[in-house]
Amino acid sequence: MITLDIISDPICPWCYIGWARLARALESRPDHPFTIQWHPFQLNPDMPSGGMDRREYLEHKFGGKDGAMRAYAPVVEHAEAAGLNIDFAGITRTPNTVDAHRLIHWAGIEGRQTPMVLSLFRAYFVEGKDIGDPETLLDLAEGVGMDRAMTQQLLGSDADAADIRARDAHARSRGVTGVPTFIVGGQHALSGAQPAEVWVEVIDDIAAQIAAAN
């Protein structure tokens, strides 16, 4: 098996789109060699712990309502093409994602990492939930089979928060400036929401190399 590291943030729409495209390729190649691991990156590392109003955030980031609409027009187009029903109008908060990343980390220990990431994507982009809210995170954790009481205890502490920030900083130190970023086998990096066809080609190339080596 070959590790496919995915550096992402659960409030990044391109990460959601990138996963949908990758998933389509993986479905077409069920014998793919990838073991997937998710890694933290914060789009907004200076976001207040309680998050902020999404409209205020977008207008500040993109220079007003018109700028925000222009920035998100291609996102909507590509999301629909990927089969995703993102409800941007339903998103009212932009959260700090350290706790969401902690949840992803803990889910990984239990072998539930990808289901946890997908649950966070759906909660934020489809259901308009605040994934910075502890009760929301507990519901999502329980939904993928994690122990609610244990997760509540962990979320109520600072467990692994410093590690999440350090891993985020490490990714930036390695040149990651945006997400999603995919690292194949610890060596080859692909940035952005790559088309499914690109992933099929990557999988087929790896399969050919493995066959030649054997």
Foldseek 3Di string as FASTA:
>chain_A
DWEKEWEDFLVDLQQVLLVLQQVVLCVVVVVFPYDYDYAYAWPCQPAPLAFDFPQVVQCVVQVHDVSSCVVCPVSVVSCVVSVHDFDPVLATTDHGCLLLRVLLVVCVVVVQNVQSSVLSNCCCGPVNDDCSDPVVSLVSSVVSPHDSVVSSVVSVDCPCSVVNVVRNVVCVVVPDDDDGWIDIRNHDIDHTSDGSVVSNVVRVVVVVVVVVVD
